[in-house]
């Protein structure tokens, strides 16, 4: 059986916004606080991803390879690993924005198309979010999860 070649997508990684670019910022429930996000996969995130424990039951085992980053696809499997940088800013009238703190998370999405089942094709997806670094100024940060089954 042939093993399909993994195809990395150049669109799987976006560059960080330029300084002063507020196009990736969103209001929060506090009118003086904005949350700005950017996505990246670079050497620092790759090293952090390697240090993190991989899921004990990966859906796509080759996704554990720390050299696989961004969005990589085969015919029936996909791996999307990206760092999400979240920055909270204090926005006050007549003052420049002031950075409150930064948190960085590794987001890992594994996708598998299973066509060998008796009920037809089945789309499987597994997502993992792991903190890489969180500024102490942000206080306690919690992550929540949800389970979804699609058939």
N, C-alpha and C. Protein backbone atom coordinates (compact mmCIF):
# COMPACT_ATOMS: atom_id res chain seq x y z
N UNK A 1 0.83 -1.18 0.00
CA UNK A 1 0.00 0.00 0.00
C UNK A 1 0.88 1.24 0.00
N UNK A 2 0.57 2.20 -0.84
CA UNK A 2 1.34 3.44 -0.90
C UNK A 2 0.97 4.34 0.27
N UNK A 3 1.97 5.02 0.79
CA UNK A 3 1.72 6.03 1.83
C UNK A 3 1.71 7.38 1.13
N UNK A 4 0.59 8.10 1.20
CA UNK A 4 0.53 9.39 0.52
C UNK A 4 1.53 10.37 1.12
N UNK A 5 2.09 11.21 0.28
CA UNK A 5 3.02 12.23 0.75
C UNK A 5 2.25 13.32 1.48
N UNK A 6 2.81 13.78 2.58
CA UNK A 6 2.19 14.86 3.33
C UNK A 6 2.41 16.17 2.57
N UNK A 7 1.36 16.94 2.41
CA UNK A 7 1.44 18.21 1.71
C UNK A 7 1.21 19.34 2.69
N UNK A 8 2.23 20.13 2.91
CA UNK A 8 2.07 21.28 3.81
C UNK A 8 1.38 22.41 3.07
N UNK A 9 0.46 23.07 3.74
CA UNK A 9 -0.27 24.17 3.14
C UNK A 9 0.41 25.49 3.51
N UNK A 10 0.79 26.31 2.53
CA UNK A 10 1.39 27.59 2.86
C UNK A 10 0.40 28.52 3.54
N UNK A 11 -0.89 28.24 3.40
CA UNK A 11 -1.91 29.08 4.04
C UNK A 11 -2.19 28.66 5.46
N UNK A 12 -1.53 27.63 5.97
CA UNK A 12 -1.80 27.15 7.32
C UNK A 12 -1.24 28.04 8.40
N UNK A 13 -0.34 28.94 8.05
CA UNK A 13 0.27 29.82 9.04
C UNK A 13 0.10 31.25 8.59
N UNK A 14 -0.36 32.09 9.46
CA UNK A 14 -0.45 33.51 9.15
C UNK A 14 0.63 34.25 9.92
N UNK A 15 1.05 35.36 9.40
CA UNK A 15 2.11 36.11 10.07
C UNK A 15 1.51 36.98 11.17
N UNK A 16 2.36 37.34 12.12
CA UNK A 16 1.92 38.22 13.19
C UNK A 16 1.55 39.58 12.62
N UNK A 17 0.57 40.26 13.23
CA UNK A 17 0.23 41.61 12.77
C UNK A 17 1.42 42.55 12.99
N UNK A 18 1.49 43.57 12.17
CA UNK A 18 2.53 44.58 12.32
C UNK A 18 2.26 45.41 13.58
N UNK A 19 3.31 45.99 14.19
CA UNK A 19 3.10 46.82 15.39
C UNK A 19 2.07 47.90 15.11
N UNK A 20 1.16 48.08 16.04
CA UNK A 20 0.11 49.09 15.90
C UNK A 20 -1.11 48.59 15.14
N UNK A 21 -1.04 47.43 14.50
CA UNK A 21 -2.17 46.88 13.76
C UNK A 21 -3.18 46.33 14.76
N UNK A 22 -4.40 46.87 14.75
CA UNK A 22 -5.42 46.45 15.70
C UNK A 22 -6.53 45.66 15.00
N UNK A 23 -6.25 45.16 13.79
CA UNK A 23 -7.29 44.45 13.03
C UNK A 23 -7.64 43.09 13.64
N UNK A 24 -6.78 42.55 14.49
CA UNK A 24 -7.05 41.27 15.13
C UNK A 24 -7.43 41.45 16.59
N UNK A 25 -7.95 42.63 16.93
CA UNK A 25 -8.33 42.93 18.31
C UNK A 25 -9.85 42.92 18.45
N UNK A 26 -10.30 42.53 19.63
CA UNK A 26 -11.73 42.42 19.89
C UNK A 26 -12.05 43.00 21.26
N UNK A 27 -13.21 43.59 21.38
CA UNK A 27 -13.68 44.11 22.67
C UNK A 27 -13.95 42.94 23.61
N UNK A 28 -13.83 43.21 24.90
CA UNK A 28 -14.16 42.21 25.92
C UNK A 28 -15.35 42.75 26.72
N UNK A 29 -15.72 42.03 27.78
CA UNK A 29 -16.83 42.51 28.60
C UNK A 29 -16.44 43.73 29.43
N UNK A 30 -15.17 44.10 29.45
CA UNK A 30 -14.69 45.32 30.09
C UNK A 30 -14.40 46.32 28.98
N UNK A 31 -15.07 47.45 28.96
CA UNK A 31 -14.94 48.41 27.86
C UNK A 31 -13.53 48.97 27.71
N UNK A 32 -12.69 48.84 28.73
CA UNK A 32 -11.33 49.35 28.65
C UNK A 32 -10.30 48.28 28.28
N UNK A 33 -10.75 47.05 28.04
CA UNK A 33 -9.83 45.96 27.75
C UNK A 33 -10.13 45.38 26.37
N UNK A 34 -9.09 45.20 25.56
CA UNK A 34 -9.21 44.53 24.27
C UNK A 34 -8.35 43.28 24.28
N UNK A 35 -8.77 42.27 23.54
CA UNK A 35 -8.01 41.03 23.36
C UNK A 35 -7.56 40.99 21.90
N UNK A 36 -6.25 40.87 21.70
CA UNK A 36 -5.70 40.80 20.35
C UNK A 36 -5.07 39.43 20.16
N UNK A 37 -5.28 38.84 18.99
CA UNK A 37 -4.77 37.49 18.73
C UNK A 37 -3.94 37.48 17.46
N UNK A 38 -2.93 36.62 17.45
CA UNK A 38 -2.17 36.34 16.24
C UNK A 38 -1.84 34.86 16.25
N UNK A 39 -1.50 34.34 15.08
CA UNK A 39 -1.19 32.91 14.97
C UNK A 39 0.17 32.76 14.31
N UNK A 40 0.92 31.77 14.77
CA UNK A 40 2.25 31.55 14.21
C UNK A 40 2.70 30.13 14.49
N UNK A 41 3.66 29.65 13.73
CA UNK A 41 4.36 28.40 14.05
C UNK A 41 5.82 28.66 13.71
N UNK A 42 6.65 28.78 14.74
CA UNK A 42 8.07 29.08 14.50
C UNK A 42 8.91 28.12 15.33
N UNK A 43 10.21 28.34 15.36
CA UNK A 43 11.12 27.42 16.05
C UNK A 43 10.81 27.34 17.55
N UNK A 44 10.47 28.47 18.17
CA UNK A 44 10.15 28.45 19.61
C UNK A 44 8.92 27.60 19.89
N UNK A 45 7.90 27.75 19.08
CA UNK A 45 6.68 26.96 19.27
C UNK A 45 6.96 25.50 18.96
N UNK A 46 7.79 25.23 17.95
CA UNK A 46 8.16 23.86 17.62
C UNK A 46 8.87 23.17 18.79
N UNK A 47 9.80 23.89 19.45
CA UNK A 47 10.49 23.32 20.61
C UNK A 47 9.50 23.08 21.75
N UNK A 48 8.61 24.03 21.97
CA UNK A 48 7.62 23.87 23.03
C UNK A 48 6.69 22.70 22.73
N UNK A 49 6.31 22.54 21.47
CA UNK A 49 5.42 21.44 21.08
C UNK A 49 6.11 20.10 21.33
N UNK A 50 7.41 20.04 21.07
CA UNK A 50 8.15 18.81 21.30
C UNK A 50 8.20 18.47 22.78
N UNK A 51 8.30 19.50 23.63
CA UNK A 51 8.39 19.28 25.07
C UNK A 51 7.05 18.87 25.68
N UNK A 52 5.95 19.26 25.05
CA UNK A 52 4.63 18.92 25.57
C UNK A 52 4.34 17.44 25.32
N UNK A 53 3.67 16.83 26.25
CA UNK A 53 3.28 15.43 26.06
C UNK A 53 2.24 15.36 24.95
N UNK A 54 2.46 14.48 24.01
CA UNK A 54 1.48 14.27 22.94
C UNK A 54 0.27 13.55 23.52
N UNK A 55 -0.89 13.70 22.90
CA UNK A 55 -2.05 12.96 23.39
C UNK A 55 -1.76 11.47 23.47
N UNK A 56 -2.26 10.82 24.50
CA UNK A 56 -1.97 9.39 24.69
C UNK A 56 -2.59 8.54 23.58
N UNK A 57 -3.63 9.02 22.96
CA UNK A 57 -4.29 8.27 21.89
C UNK A 57 -4.48 9.20 20.68
N UNK A 58 -3.37 9.52 19.96
CA UNK A 58 -3.52 10.47 18.86
C UNK A 58 -4.37 9.88 17.74
N UNK A 59 -5.13 10.71 17.12
CA UNK A 59 -5.95 10.31 15.98
C UNK A 59 -5.06 10.16 14.74
N UNK A 60 -4.07 11.03 14.61
CA UNK A 60 -3.13 11.03 13.50
C UNK A 60 -1.72 10.93 14.09
N UNK A 61 -1.16 9.71 14.23
CA UNK A 61 0.12 9.53 14.93
C UNK A 61 1.27 10.38 14.39
N UNK A 62 1.36 10.61 13.08
CA UNK A 62 2.47 11.40 12.56
C UNK A 62 2.37 12.87 12.96
N UNK A 63 1.24 13.28 13.52
CA UNK A 63 1.09 14.64 14.01
C UNK A 63 1.99 14.89 15.22
N UNK A 64 2.44 13.79 15.89
CA UNK A 64 3.35 13.93 17.03
C UNK A 64 4.73 14.42 16.61
N UNK A 65 5.07 14.32 15.34
CA UNK A 65 6.37 14.75 14.84
C UNK A 65 6.51 16.27 15.05
N UNK A 66 7.50 16.72 15.83
CA UNK A 66 7.63 18.15 16.12
C UNK A 66 8.02 18.98 14.90
N UNK A 67 8.48 18.34 13.83
CA UNK A 67 8.81 19.11 12.62
C UNK A 67 7.58 19.41 11.78
N UNK A 68 6.45 18.77 12.09
CA UNK A 68 5.21 19.04 11.37
C UNK A 68 4.55 20.25 12.01
N UNK A 69 4.40 21.31 11.26
CA UNK A 69 3.77 22.51 11.78
C UNK A 69 2.85 23.11 10.75
N UNK A 70 2.12 24.13 11.13
CA UNK A 70 1.17 24.71 10.20
C UNK A 70 0.07 23.71 9.90
N UNK A 71 -0.32 23.63 8.65
CA UNK A 71 -1.39 22.74 8.22
C UNK A 71 -0.81 21.73 7.25
N UNK A 72 -0.82 20.45 7.59
CA UNK A 72 -0.26 19.40 6.75
C UNK A 72 -1.34 18.37 6.47
N UNK A 73 -1.49 17.98 5.21
CA UNK A 73 -2.57 17.08 4.79
C UNK A 73 -2.04 15.90 4.01
N UNK A 74 -2.71 14.75 4.17
CA UNK A 74 -2.56 13.63 3.26
C UNK A 74 -3.94 13.44 2.62
N UNK A 75 -4.12 12.35 1.93
CA UNK A 75 -5.42 12.11 1.27
C UNK A 75 -6.55 12.01 2.27
N UNK A 76 -6.30 11.39 3.42
CA UNK A 76 -7.39 11.19 4.38
C UNK A 76 -7.02 11.55 5.82
N UNK A 77 -5.92 12.29 6.02
CA UNK A 77 -5.54 12.73 7.36
C UNK A 77 -5.04 14.17 7.30
N UNK A 78 -5.22 14.86 8.41
CA UNK A 78 -4.73 16.23 8.50
C UNK A 78 -4.20 16.53 9.88
N UNK A 79 -3.20 17.40 9.95
CA UNK A 79 -2.62 17.84 11.21
C UNK A 79 -2.43 19.35 11.12
N UNK A 80 -3.00 20.06 12.07
CA UNK A 80 -2.89 21.52 12.12
C UNK A 80 -2.36 21.88 13.49
N UNK A 81 -1.12 22.35 13.55
CA UNK A 81 -0.53 22.79 14.81
C UNK A 81 -0.11 24.24 14.65
N UNK A 82 -0.56 25.05 15.56
CA UNK A 82 -0.27 26.47 15.45
C UNK A 82 -0.23 27.09 16.84
N UNK A 83 0.58 28.08 17.00
CA UNK A 83 0.62 28.81 18.26
C UNK A 83 -0.34 29.98 18.18
N UNK A 84 -1.14 30.15 19.21
CA UNK A 84 -2.04 31.29 19.29
C UNK A 84 -1.53 32.20 20.39
N UNK A 85 -1.21 33.43 20.02
CA UNK A 85 -0.73 34.43 20.97
C UNK A 85 -1.89 35.36 21.28
N UNK A 86 -2.25 35.46 22.54
CA UNK A 86 -3.33 36.34 22.97
C UNK A 86 -2.73 37.43 23.85
N UNK A 87 -3.01 38.67 23.52
CA UNK A 87 -2.54 39.80 24.32
C UNK A 87 -3.73 40.63 24.77
N UNK A 88 -3.72 41.00 26.04
CA UNK A 88 -4.76 41.85 26.59
C UNK A 88 -4.19 43.25 26.75
N UNK A 89 -4.92 44.24 26.24
CA UNK A 89 -4.48 45.63 26.25
C UNK A 89 -5.49 46.51 26.98
N UNK A 90 -4.99 47.48 27.74
CA UNK A 90 -5.86 48.49 28.37
C UNK A 90 -5.96 49.64 27.38
N UNK A 91 -7.19 49.97 27.01
CA UNK A 91 -7.47 51.05 26.07
C UNK A 91 -8.15 52.17 26.84
N UNK A 92 -7.47 53.30 26.96
CA UNK A 92 -8.01 54.46 27.68
C UNK A 92 -8.01 55.66 26.75
N UNK A 93 -9.03 56.50 26.89
CA UNK A 93 -9.09 57.70 26.04
C UNK A 93 -7.84 58.57 26.26
N UNK A 94 -7.34 59.13 25.19
CA UNK A 94 -6.21 60.07 25.22
C UNK A 94 -4.91 59.46 25.73
N UNK A 95 -4.79 58.13 25.74
CA UNK A 95 -3.55 57.46 26.14
C UNK A 95 -3.26 56.35 25.14
N UNK A 96 -1.98 56.07 24.91
CA UNK A 96 -1.68 54.94 24.03
C UNK A 96 -2.07 53.62 24.70
N UNK A 97 -2.40 52.59 23.91
CA UNK A 97 -2.73 51.30 24.50
C UNK A 97 -1.59 50.78 25.37
N UNK A 98 -1.94 50.14 26.49
CA UNK A 98 -0.93 49.61 27.42
C UNK A 98 -1.12 48.09 27.53
N UNK A 99 -0.04 47.34 27.26
CA UNK A 99 -0.10 45.89 27.34
C UNK A 99 -0.27 45.44 28.78
N UNK A 100 -1.29 44.61 29.03
CA UNK A 100 -1.53 44.06 30.36
C UNK A 100 -0.79 42.75 30.52
N UNK A 101 -0.89 41.87 29.52
CA UNK A 101 -0.23 40.58 29.60
C UNK A 101 -0.43 39.77 28.34
N UNK A 102 0.40 38.73 28.20
CA UNK A 102 0.39 37.87 27.01
C UNK A 102 0.29 36.41 27.44
N UNK A 103 -0.47 35.63 26.70
CA UNK A 103 -0.55 34.18 26.90
C UNK A 103 -0.38 33.52 25.54
N UNK A 104 0.36 32.41 25.51
CA UNK A 104 0.56 31.69 24.26
C UNK A 104 0.13 30.24 24.46
N UNK A 105 -0.64 29.73 23.50
CA UNK A 105 -1.16 28.37 23.55
C UNK A 105 -0.78 27.64 22.28
N UNK A 106 -0.54 26.34 22.39
CA UNK A 106 -0.38 25.49 21.22
C UNK A 106 -1.74 24.86 20.95
N UNK A 107 -2.25 25.06 19.75
CA UNK A 107 -3.52 24.47 19.34
C UNK A 107 -3.20 23.38 18.33
N UNK A 108 -3.68 22.18 18.60
CA UNK A 108 -3.42 21.03 17.74
C UNK A 108 -4.75 20.45 17.30
N UNK A 109 -4.95 20.34 16.00
CA UNK A 109 -6.17 19.78 15.44
C UNK A 109 -5.78 18.59 14.56
N UNK A 110 -6.34 17.45 14.84
CA UNK A 110 -6.11 16.25 14.04
C UNK A 110 -7.42 15.87 13.35
N UNK A 111 -7.31 15.54 12.08
CA UNK A 111 -8.50 15.22 11.28
C UNK A 111 -8.25 13.90 10.57
N UNK A 112 -9.26 13.06 10.56
CA UNK A 112 -9.13 11.77 9.86
C UNK A 112 -10.46 11.46 9.16
N UNK A 113 -10.36 11.08 7.90
CA UNK A 113 -11.52 10.63 7.15
C UNK A 113 -11.44 9.11 7.11
N UNK A 114 -12.40 8.45 7.75
CA UNK A 114 -12.43 7.00 7.81
C UNK A 114 -13.47 6.51 6.81
N UNK A 115 -13.01 5.86 5.76
CA UNK A 115 -13.92 5.37 4.72
C UNK A 115 -14.08 3.85 4.77
N UNK A 116 -13.54 3.23 5.81
CA UNK A 116 -13.57 1.76 5.89
C UNK A 116 -14.72 1.23 6.74
N UNK A 117 -15.53 2.09 7.29
CA UNK A 117 -16.64 1.65 8.13
C UNK A 117 -17.79 1.08 7.33
N UNK A 118 -18.66 0.37 8.00
CA UNK A 118 -19.81 -0.25 7.33
C UNK A 118 -20.93 0.76 7.10
N UNK A 119 -20.90 1.89 7.78
CA UNK A 119 -21.96 2.89 7.65
C UNK A 119 -21.57 4.03 6.70
N UNK A 120 -20.55 3.86 5.91
CA UNK A 120 -20.10 4.92 5.01
C UNK A 120 -18.97 5.71 5.64
N UNK A 121 -18.69 6.85 5.06
CA UNK A 121 -17.58 7.68 5.51
C UNK A 121 -17.88 8.31 6.88
N UNK A 122 -16.82 8.45 7.65
CA UNK A 122 -16.93 9.05 8.98
C UNK A 122 -15.80 10.07 9.11
N UNK A 123 -16.13 11.28 9.54
CA UNK A 123 -15.17 12.36 9.74
C UNK A 123 -14.83 12.42 11.22
N UNK A 124 -13.56 12.22 11.57
CA UNK A 124 -13.12 12.24 12.96
C UNK A 124 -12.22 13.44 13.17
N UNK A 125 -12.36 14.08 14.32
CA UNK A 125 -11.56 15.25 14.61
C UNK A 125 -11.22 15.26 16.10
N UNK A 126 -9.97 15.60 16.41
CA UNK A 126 -9.53 15.68 17.80
C UNK A 126 -8.76 16.98 17.97
N UNK A 127 -9.13 17.80 18.94
CA UNK A 127 -8.48 19.08 19.19
C UNK A 127 -7.85 19.09 20.58
N UNK A 128 -6.67 19.69 20.66
CA UNK A 128 -5.97 19.82 21.93
C UNK A 128 -5.47 21.25 22.05
N UNK A 129 -5.66 21.86 23.21
CA UNK A 129 -5.13 23.19 23.49
C UNK A 129 -4.25 23.07 24.72
N UNK A 130 -2.99 23.52 24.59
CA UNK A 130 -2.05 23.43 25.71
C UNK A 130 -1.39 24.79 25.92
N UNK A 131 -1.32 25.25 27.17
CA UNK A 131 -0.64 26.52 27.43
C UNK A 131 0.87 26.38 27.25
N UNK A 132 1.48 27.34 26.57
CA UNK A 132 2.93 27.37 26.41
C UNK A 132 3.55 28.35 27.40
N UNK A 133 2.97 29.53 27.49
CA UNK A 133 3.44 30.53 28.47
C UNK A 133 2.30 31.49 28.77
N UNK A 134 2.21 31.90 30.02
CA UNK A 134 1.17 32.83 30.46
C UNK A 134 1.81 33.83 31.42
N UNK A 135 1.69 35.12 31.10
CA UNK A 135 2.23 36.15 31.99
C UNK A 135 1.53 36.10 33.34
N UNK A 136 2.31 36.19 34.41
CA UNK A 136 1.74 36.19 35.76
C UNK A 136 0.78 37.33 36.00
N UNK A 137 0.94 38.44 35.26
CA UNK A 137 0.06 39.61 35.44
C UNK A 137 -1.39 39.28 35.08
N UNK A 138 -1.61 38.21 34.32
CA UNK A 138 -2.97 37.85 33.93
C UNK A 138 -3.72 37.11 35.04
N UNK A 139 -3.01 36.66 36.06
CA UNK A 139 -3.66 35.91 37.13
C UNK A 139 -3.98 34.50 36.69
N UNK A 140 -5.04 33.93 37.22
CA UNK A 140 -5.43 32.56 36.91
C UNK A 140 -6.09 32.49 35.54
N UNK A 141 -5.60 31.57 34.72
CA UNK A 141 -6.17 31.33 33.39
C UNK A 141 -6.62 29.89 33.35
N UNK A 142 -7.85 29.65 32.93
CA UNK A 142 -8.36 28.28 32.84
C UNK A 142 -8.77 27.98 31.40
N UNK A 143 -8.68 26.72 31.05
CA UNK A 143 -9.13 26.24 29.75
C UNK A 143 -10.29 25.29 29.97
N UNK A 144 -11.26 25.35 29.11
CA UNK A 144 -12.40 24.45 29.20
C UNK A 144 -12.39 23.57 27.95
N UNK A 145 -13.17 22.51 27.96
CA UNK A 145 -13.22 21.63 26.81
C UNK A 145 -14.65 21.18 26.56
N UNK A 146 -14.85 20.60 25.41
CA UNK A 146 -16.17 20.08 25.06
C UNK A 146 -15.96 18.84 24.20
N UNK A 147 -16.92 17.95 24.21
CA UNK A 147 -16.90 16.75 23.39
C UNK A 147 -18.02 16.84 22.36
N UNK A 148 -17.69 16.54 21.12
CA UNK A 148 -18.67 16.56 20.06
C UNK A 148 -18.48 15.32 19.21
N UNK A 149 -19.55 14.67 18.84
CA UNK A 149 -19.48 13.53 17.93
C UNK A 149 -20.26 13.87 16.68
N UNK A 150 -19.59 13.79 15.52
CA UNK A 150 -20.22 14.06 14.24
C UNK A 150 -20.29 12.77 13.44
N UNK A 151 -21.41 12.46 12.91
CA UNK A 151 -21.54 11.26 12.06
C UNK A 151 -22.42 11.60 10.89
